[in-house]
Amino acid sequence: MKNIVPTLLLVGGIAIILFGTMRKDEGQADIDLGATEISIGKSDASFWPYFIVGGVAAAAGLVMLVKGRK
């Protein structure tokens, strides 16, 4: 019962990171003109909040799981 919160944090953090990587290329378009390629769209800066929040949640869950087993 005490492993529910750490497990939810770990799984939720990984899910947030995966969701952020799926949204990373949203709104981007590539135009290929032979040897020239043009990228149009938003920058990838929107990926960082997902990585930070998901990483902190996953790390907290992992730490809580390891501490709980000792």
N, C-alpha and C. Protein backbone atom coordinates (compact mmCIF):
# COMPACT_ATOMS: atom_id res chain seq x y z
N MET A 1 0.81 -1.19 0.00
CA MET A 1 0.00 0.00 0.00
C MET A 1 0.86 1.26 0.00
N LYS A 2 2.02 1.22 0.66
CA LYS A 2 2.86 2.41 0.73
C LYS A 2 3.64 2.67 -0.57
N ASN A 3 3.61 1.72 -1.49
CA ASN A 3 4.32 1.90 -2.76
C ASN A 3 3.44 2.49 -3.84
N ILE A 4 2.20 2.84 -3.53
CA ILE A 4 1.29 3.35 -4.56
C ILE A 4 1.72 4.74 -5.04
N VAL A 5 1.98 5.66 -4.12
CA VAL A 5 2.34 7.03 -4.49
C VAL A 5 3.66 7.07 -5.26
N PRO A 6 4.73 6.40 -4.79
CA PRO A 6 5.97 6.42 -5.58
C PRO A 6 5.80 5.80 -6.98
N THR A 7 5.02 4.74 -7.06
CA THR A 7 4.79 4.10 -8.35
C THR A 7 4.02 5.03 -9.28
N LEU A 8 3.01 5.70 -8.75
CA LEU A 8 2.25 6.66 -9.56
C LEU A 8 3.13 7.82 -10.03
N LEU A 9 4.01 8.31 -9.15
CA LEU A 9 4.93 9.37 -9.54
C LEU A 9 5.87 8.91 -10.65
N LEU A 10 6.40 7.72 -10.51
CA LEU A 10 7.32 7.19 -11.51
C LEU A 10 6.64 7.00 -12.86
N VAL A 11 5.50 6.34 -12.85
CA VAL A 11 4.77 6.08 -14.10
C VAL A 11 4.25 7.39 -14.70
N GLY A 12 3.73 8.27 -13.85
CA GLY A 12 3.24 9.56 -14.33
C GLY A 12 4.34 10.42 -14.92
N GLY A 13 5.50 10.43 -14.28
CA GLY A 13 6.63 11.20 -14.81
C GLY A 13 7.09 10.69 -16.16
N ILE A 14 7.15 9.39 -16.31
CA ILE A 14 7.55 8.81 -17.60
C ILE A 14 6.49 9.13 -18.66
N ALA A 15 5.22 9.07 -18.27
CA ALA A 15 4.14 9.39 -19.22
C ALA A 15 4.20 10.85 -19.66
N ILE A 16 4.52 11.75 -18.74
CA ILE A 16 4.63 13.16 -19.09
C ILE A 16 5.78 13.38 -20.08
N ILE A 17 6.90 12.72 -19.85
CA ILE A 17 8.04 12.85 -20.77
C ILE A 17 7.67 12.31 -22.15
N LEU A 18 7.01 11.16 -22.20
CA LEU A 18 6.61 10.59 -23.49
C LEU A 18 5.61 11.49 -24.20
N PHE A 19 4.66 12.06 -23.47
CA PHE A 19 3.70 12.98 -24.06
C PHE A 19 4.41 14.20 -24.64
N GLY A 20 5.40 14.71 -23.91
CA GLY A 20 6.17 15.86 -24.40
C GLY A 20 6.95 15.55 -25.65
N THR A 21 7.50 14.34 -25.75
CA THR A 21 8.25 13.99 -26.96
C THR A 21 7.32 13.79 -28.15
N MET A 22 6.07 13.37 -27.91
CA MET A 22 5.12 13.24 -29.01
C MET A 22 4.68 14.62 -29.50
N ARG A 23 4.56 15.58 -28.61
CA ARG A 23 4.14 16.92 -28.99
C ARG A 23 5.30 17.74 -29.54
N LYS A 24 6.51 17.25 -29.44
CA LYS A 24 7.70 18.01 -29.82
C LYS A 24 7.65 18.46 -31.27
N ASP A 25 7.22 17.60 -32.17
CA ASP A 25 7.23 17.92 -33.59
C ASP A 25 5.91 18.47 -34.09
N GLU A 26 4.96 18.70 -33.19
CA GLU A 26 3.67 19.23 -33.59
C GLU A 26 3.84 20.67 -34.09
N GLY A 27 3.26 20.98 -35.21
CA GLY A 27 3.34 22.33 -35.74
C GLY A 27 4.59 22.60 -36.55
N GLN A 28 5.34 21.57 -36.87
CA GLN A 28 6.54 21.73 -37.68
C GLN A 28 6.31 21.18 -39.08
N ALA A 29 6.94 21.79 -40.04
CA ALA A 29 6.85 21.30 -41.41
C ALA A 29 8.23 21.40 -42.05
N ASP A 30 8.56 20.41 -42.84
CA ASP A 30 9.83 20.40 -43.58
C ASP A 30 9.53 20.44 -45.07
N ILE A 31 10.23 21.30 -45.77
CA ILE A 31 10.09 21.40 -47.22
C ILE A 31 11.41 20.96 -47.82
N ASP A 32 11.38 19.96 -48.68
CA ASP A 32 12.58 19.42 -49.30
C ASP A 32 12.63 19.87 -50.75
N LEU A 33 13.63 20.68 -51.09
CA LEU A 33 13.82 21.17 -52.45
C LEU A 33 15.13 20.63 -53.01
N GLY A 34 15.17 19.33 -53.20
CA GLY A 34 16.40 18.72 -53.71
C GLY A 34 17.45 18.71 -52.62
N ALA A 35 18.53 19.48 -52.83
CA ALA A 35 19.62 19.51 -51.87
C ALA A 35 19.35 20.48 -50.72
N THR A 36 18.29 21.27 -50.83
CA THR A 36 17.96 22.25 -49.81
C THR A 36 16.74 21.80 -49.02
N GLU A 37 16.82 21.91 -47.70
CA GLU A 37 15.68 21.57 -46.85
C GLU A 37 15.35 22.75 -45.96
N ILE A 38 14.07 23.10 -45.93
CA ILE A 38 13.61 24.25 -45.16
C ILE A 38 12.69 23.74 -44.05
N SER A 39 12.95 24.16 -42.81
CA SER A 39 12.09 23.81 -41.68
C SER A 39 11.28 25.02 -41.28
N ILE A 40 9.97 24.83 -41.19
CA ILE A 40 9.07 25.92 -40.82
C ILE A 40 8.28 25.48 -39.59
N GLY A 41 8.15 26.34 -38.61
CA GLY A 41 7.33 26.01 -37.45
C GLY A 41 7.94 26.51 -36.16
N LYS A 42 7.35 26.03 -35.08
CA LYS A 42 7.79 26.44 -33.75
C LYS A 42 9.14 25.81 -33.42
N SER A 43 9.83 26.45 -32.48
CA SER A 43 11.08 25.87 -32.02
C SER A 43 10.77 24.74 -31.04
N ASP A 44 11.77 23.96 -30.69
CA ASP A 44 11.59 22.82 -29.80
C ASP A 44 11.66 23.22 -28.33
N ALA A 45 11.58 24.50 -28.03
CA ALA A 45 11.66 24.95 -26.64
C ALA A 45 10.47 24.49 -25.81
N SER A 46 9.37 24.15 -26.46
CA SER A 46 8.18 23.71 -25.71
C SER A 46 8.38 22.32 -25.11
N PHE A 47 9.42 21.61 -25.50
CA PHE A 47 9.70 20.27 -24.97
C PHE A 47 10.24 20.33 -23.56
N TRP A 48 10.96 21.37 -23.20
CA TRP A 48 11.67 21.43 -21.92
C TRP A 48 10.76 21.37 -20.70
N PRO A 49 9.60 22.06 -20.66
CA PRO A 49 8.77 21.93 -19.46
C PRO A 49 8.31 20.50 -19.20
N TYR A 50 7.98 19.76 -20.25
CA TYR A 50 7.58 18.37 -20.08
C TYR A 50 8.73 17.54 -19.53
N PHE A 51 9.92 17.78 -20.05
CA PHE A 51 11.09 17.03 -19.61
C PHE A 51 11.41 17.32 -18.15
N ILE A 52 11.33 18.59 -17.76
CA ILE A 52 11.67 18.97 -16.39
C ILE A 52 10.64 18.42 -15.40
N VAL A 53 9.36 18.66 -15.66
CA VAL A 53 8.31 18.21 -14.74
C VAL A 53 8.27 16.68 -14.67
N GLY A 54 8.31 16.03 -15.84
CA GLY A 54 8.29 14.57 -15.86
C GLY A 54 9.52 13.96 -15.23
N GLY A 55 10.66 14.56 -15.47
CA GLY A 55 11.90 14.05 -14.89
C GLY A 55 11.93 14.18 -13.38
N VAL A 56 11.46 15.31 -12.87
CA VAL A 56 11.42 15.51 -11.42
C VAL A 56 10.44 14.52 -10.77
N ALA A 57 9.27 14.34 -11.39
CA ALA A 57 8.29 13.41 -10.84
C ALA A 57 8.82 11.97 -10.87
N ALA A 58 9.43 11.57 -11.98
CA ALA A 58 9.96 10.21 -12.08
C ALA A 58 11.11 10.00 -11.10
N ALA A 59 11.98 10.99 -10.96
CA ALA A 59 13.09 10.87 -10.02
C ALA A 59 12.58 10.80 -8.58
N ALA A 60 11.57 11.61 -8.25
CA ALA A 60 11.02 11.57 -6.90
C ALA A 60 10.39 10.21 -6.61
N GLY A 61 9.67 9.67 -7.58
CA GLY A 61 9.06 8.35 -7.40
C GLY A 61 10.11 7.26 -7.22
N LEU A 62 11.18 7.35 -8.00
CA LEU A 62 12.24 6.35 -7.90
C LEU A 62 12.94 6.44 -6.55
N VAL A 63 13.22 7.65 -6.09
CA VAL A 63 13.87 7.83 -4.79
C VAL A 63 12.97 7.30 -3.66
N MET A 64 11.68 7.59 -3.76
CA MET A 64 10.74 7.12 -2.73
C MET A 64 10.63 5.60 -2.74
N LEU A 65 10.67 4.99 -3.93
CA LEU A 65 10.63 3.53 -3.99
C LEU A 65 11.88 2.90 -3.37
N VAL A 66 13.04 3.47 -3.68
CA VAL A 66 14.29 2.92 -3.14
C VAL A 66 14.37 3.13 -1.63
N LYS A 67 13.98 4.30 -1.15
CA LYS A 67 14.00 4.59 0.29
C LYS A 67 13.01 3.70 1.04
N GLY A 68 11.87 3.39 0.42
CA GLY A 68 10.86 2.59 1.06
C GLY A 68 11.26 1.13 1.22
N ARG A 69 12.17 0.66 0.40
CA ARG A 69 12.59 -0.75 0.47
C ARG A 69 13.68 -0.97 1.50
N LYS A 70 14.30 0.07 1.98
CA LYS A 70 15.38 -0.08 2.96
C LYS A 70 14.84 -0.23 4.35
